[in-house]
Amino acid sequence: MSGVTSADPRPRVVAGEGGGRVAGRRCTACGEVCAFAWPACPECGGAVEPAEFGPLGTVWSATVVRIPVPGRTPPYGLAYVDLDDGPRVLAHTGGPVPVGARVRLVPGDGDVEVEVVP
């Protein structure tokens, strides 16, 4: 199937003051936030506008992956992070992180990455 393309499903992280920021959308009607370029609000169907979220957040859930996948050498950490002013995103971590830890988005190679804030 030549010529088939697909959009990158990962949230886009851009460099910002104090760390990375997730580029997403905010609903102009209900205020719902999302980490993707939705054409309309996923909650109410209203109009959305571009927004950036982060760089700080709190770990909601975390795990260490011990199976190999292309492009990753196990073990590596993953965490769901609730951004302070935005949505929940799945992020790569530098290692195990505890639930409730404060983290900062780090601009990376395409994956959403976080580091623990001291």
C-alpha atoms as a PDB file:
ATOM      1  CA  MET A   1       0.000   0.000   0.000  1.00  0.00           C
ATOM      2  CA  SER A   2       2.163   2.824  -1.196  1.00  0.00           C
ATOM      3  CA  GLY A   3       1.249   6.374  -0.371  1.00  0.00           C
ATOM      4  CA  VAL A   4      -0.563   5.488   2.857  1.00  0.00           C
ATOM      5  CA  THR A   5       0.181   7.921   5.651  1.00  0.00           C
ATOM      6  CA  SER A   6      -1.100   8.241   9.157  1.00  0.00           C
ATOM      7  CA  ALA A   7      -0.988  11.030  11.673  1.00  0.00           C
ATOM      8  CA  ASP A   8       1.341  10.678  14.638  1.00  0.00           C
ATOM      9  CA  PRO A   9      -0.964   9.764  17.550  1.00  0.00           C
ATOM     10  CA  ARG A  10       1.308  11.241  20.223  1.00  0.00           C
ATOM     11  CA  PRO A  11       0.573  14.650  21.749  1.00  0.00           C
ATOM     12  CA  ARG A  12       2.940  17.293  20.395  1.00  0.00           C
ATOM     13  CA  VAL A  13       5.379  18.721  22.953  1.00  0.00           C
ATOM     14  CA  VAL A  14       6.885  22.130  22.246  1.00  0.00           C
ATOM     15  CA  ALA A  15       9.616  23.987  24.107  1.00  0.00           C
ATOM     16  CA  GLY A  16       8.284  26.590  26.510  1.00  0.00           C
ATOM     17  CA  GLU A  17       9.240  28.627  29.524  1.00  0.00           C
ATOM     18  CA  GLY A  18      10.201  26.335  32.414  1.00  0.00           C
ATOM     19  CA  GLY A  19      10.027  23.126  30.339  1.00  0.00           C
ATOM     20  CA  GLY A  20       7.992  21.535  27.599  1.00  0.00           C
ATOM     21  CA  ARG A  21       4.373  22.306  26.876  1.00  0.00           C
ATOM     22  CA  VAL A  22       1.750  20.076  25.254  1.00  0.00           C
ATOM     23  CA  ALA A  23       0.068  21.692  22.261  1.00  0.00           C
ATOM     24  CA  GLY A  24      -3.648  20.863  22.301  1.00  0.00           C
ATOM     25  CA  ARG A  25      -7.100  22.436  22.267  1.00  0.00           C
ATOM     26  CA  ARG A  26      -9.491  24.101  24.734  1.00  0.00           C
ATOM     27  CA  CYS A  27     -13.249  24.320  24.153  1.00  0.00           C
ATOM     28  CA  THR A  28     -14.568  27.867  23.913  1.00  0.00           C
ATOM     29  CA  ALA A  29     -18.000  26.748  25.181  1.00  0.00           C
ATOM     30  CA  CYS A  30     -17.397  24.367  28.114  1.00  0.00           C
ATOM     31  CA  GLY A  31     -13.644  24.745  28.787  1.00  0.00           C
ATOM     32  CA  GLU A  32     -12.851  21.040  28.188  1.00  0.00           C
ATOM     33  CA  VAL A  33      -9.179  20.470  27.331  1.00  0.00           C
ATOM     34  CA  CYS A  34      -7.580  17.821  25.144  1.00  0.00           C
ATOM     35  CA  ALA A  35      -4.015  17.034  24.137  1.00  0.00           C
ATOM     36  CA  PHE A  36      -4.833  16.557  20.469  1.00  0.00           C
ATOM     37  CA  ALA A  37      -5.900  18.707  17.526  1.00  0.00           C
ATOM     38  CA  TRP A  38      -9.585  17.773  17.654  1.00  0.00           C
ATOM     39  CA  PRO A  39     -11.778  19.625  15.143  1.00  0.00           C
ATOM     40  CA  ALA A  40     -14.482  20.061  17.821  1.00  0.00           C
ATOM     41  CA  CYS A  41     -14.818  19.576  21.578  1.00  0.00           C
ATOM     42  CA  PRO A  42     -14.928  15.857  22.481  1.00  0.00           C
ATOM     43  CA  GLU A  43     -17.247  16.689  25.415  1.00  0.00           C
ATOM     44  CA  CYS A  44     -19.880  19.076  24.040  1.00  0.00           C
ATOM     45  CA  GLY A  45     -19.122  19.374  20.315  1.00  0.00           C
ATOM     46  CA  GLY A  46     -18.377  23.104  20.655  1.00  0.00           C
ATOM     47  CA  ALA A  47     -15.697  25.125  18.899  1.00  0.00           C
ATOM     48  CA  VAL A  48     -12.108  24.679  20.062  1.00  0.00           C
ATOM     49  CA  GLU A  49      -9.101  26.967  20.061  1.00  0.00           C
ATOM     50  CA  PRO A  50      -5.387  26.151  20.221  1.00  0.00           C
ATOM     51  CA  ALA A  51      -3.934  25.980  23.738  1.00  0.00           C
ATOM     52  CA  GLU A  52      -0.702  24.901  25.422  1.00  0.00           C
ATOM     53  CA  PHE A  53      -0.554  22.988  28.708  1.00  0.00           C
ATOM     54  CA  GLY A  54       2.196  22.386  31.259  1.00  0.00           C
ATOM     55  CA  PRO A  55       5.024  22.278  32.013  1.00  0.00           C
ATOM     56  CA  LEU A  56       4.162  20.937  35.498  1.00  0.00           C
ATOM     57  CA  GLY A  57       1.928  18.068  36.491  1.00  0.00           C
ATOM     58  CA  THR A  58       1.277  15.264  38.988  1.00  0.00           C
ATOM     59  CA  VAL A  59       1.753  11.544  38.371  1.00  0.00           C
ATOM     60  CA  TRP A  60      -1.670   9.861  38.429  1.00  0.00           C
ATOM     61  CA  SER A  61      -0.434   6.324  37.696  1.00  0.00           C
ATOM     62  CA  ALA A  62       2.926   4.771  36.789  1.00  0.00           C
ATOM     63  CA  THR A  63       4.526   1.497  35.765  1.00  0.00           C
ATOM     64  CA  VAL A  64       7.819   0.025  34.625  1.00  0.00           C
ATOM     65  CA  VAL A  65       7.736  -1.820  31.296  1.00  0.00           C
ATOM     66  CA  ARG A  66       9.997  -4.862  31.153  1.00  0.00           C
ATOM     67  CA  ILE A  67       9.200  -6.212  27.674  1.00  0.00           C
ATOM     68  CA  PRO A  68      11.069  -5.138  24.541  1.00  0.00           C
ATOM     69  CA  VAL A  69       9.326  -3.019  21.935  1.00  0.00           C
ATOM     70  CA  PRO A  70      10.883  -1.421  18.833  1.00  0.00           C
ATOM     71  CA  GLY A  71      12.858   1.678  19.739  1.00  0.00           C
ATOM     72  CA  ARG A  72      12.892   1.051  23.518  1.00  0.00           C
ATOM     73  CA  THR A  73      15.242  -0.919  25.725  1.00  0.00           C
ATOM     74  CA  PRO A  74      13.582  -2.335  28.834  1.00  0.00           C
ATOM     75  CA  PRO A  75      13.139  -1.560  31.584  1.00  0.00           C
ATOM     76  CA  TYR A  76      11.640   1.888  31.047  1.00  0.00           C
ATOM     77  CA  GLY A  77       9.023   3.882  32.902  1.00  0.00           C
ATOM     78  CA  LEU A  78       5.647   5.171  31.788  1.00  0.00           C
ATOM     79  CA  ALA A  79       3.305   7.428  33.743  1.00  0.00           C
ATOM     80  CA  TYR A  80      -0.057   9.066  33.274  1.00  0.00           C
ATOM     81  CA  VAL A  81       0.419  12.704  34.232  1.00  0.00           C
ATOM     82  CA  ASP A  82      -2.336  15.192  35.082  1.00  0.00           C
ATOM     83  CA  LEU A  83      -1.019  18.509  33.785  1.00  0.00           C
ATOM     84  CA  ASP A  84      -1.773  21.354  36.199  1.00  0.00           C
ATOM     85  CA  ASP A  85      -3.750  23.379  33.689  1.00  0.00           C
ATOM     86  CA  GLY A  86      -4.659  20.728  31.163  1.00  0.00           C
ATOM     87  CA  PRO A  87      -5.350  17.144  30.204  1.00  0.00           C
ATOM     88  CA  ARG A  88      -3.911  13.823  31.351  1.00  0.00           C
ATOM     89  CA  VAL A  89      -1.096  12.545  29.098  1.00  0.00           C
ATOM     90  CA  LEU A  90       0.932   9.343  28.886  1.00  0.00           C
ATOM     91  CA  ALA A  91       4.626  10.127  29.350  1.00  0.00           C
ATOM     92  CA  HIS A  92       7.950   8.334  29.391  1.00  0.00           C
ATOM     93  CA  THR A  93       9.942   8.654  32.607  1.00  0.00           C
ATOM     94  CA  GLY A  94      13.632   8.260  33.351  1.00  0.00           C
ATOM     95  CA  GLY A  95      12.801   5.364  35.682  1.00  0.00           C
ATOM     96  CA  PRO A  96      10.288   4.450  38.359  1.00  0.00           C
ATOM     97  CA  VAL A  97       8.272   7.390  39.705  1.00  0.00           C
ATOM     98  CA  PRO A  98       5.830   7.313  42.618  1.00  0.00           C
ATOM     99  CA  VAL A  99       2.156   8.180  42.233  1.00  0.00           C
ATOM    100  CA  GLY A 100       1.668  11.770  43.380  1.00  0.00           C
ATOM    101  CA  ALA A 101       5.171  12.879  42.319  1.00  0.00           C
ATOM    102  CA  ARG A 102       5.505  16.329  40.805  1.00  0.00           C
ATOM    103  CA  VAL A 103       6.998  16.241  37.310  1.00  0.00           C
ATOM    104  CA  ARG A 104       7.974  18.620  34.522  1.00  0.00           C
ATOM    105  CA  LEU A 105       7.520  18.056  30.784  1.00  0.00           C
ATOM    106  CA  VAL A 106      10.763  17.803  28.841  1.00  0.00           C
ATOM    107  CA  PRO A 107      10.901  18.540  25.106  1.00  0.00           C
ATOM    108  CA  GLY A 108      12.086  15.312  23.470  1.00  0.00           C
ATOM    109  CA  ASP A 109      12.202  13.262  20.290  1.00  0.00           C
ATOM    110  CA  GLY A 110       8.456  13.021  19.736  1.00  0.00           C
ATOM    111  CA  ASP A 111       7.422  11.069  22.821  1.00  0.00           C
ATOM    112  CA  VAL A 112       6.033  12.954  25.794  1.00  0.00           C
ATOM    113  CA  GLU A 113       8.766  12.812  28.451  1.00  0.00           C
ATOM    114  CA  VAL A 114       8.825  13.993  32.066  1.00  0.00           C
ATOM    115  CA  GLU A 115      11.382  14.427  34.816  1.00  0.00           C
ATOM    116  CA  VAL A 116      10.730  14.499  38.552  1.00  0.00           C
ATOM    117  CA  VAL A 117      10.820  17.995  40.044  1.00  0.00           C
ATOM    118  CA  PRO A 118      13.134  18.104  43.087  1.00  0.00           C
END
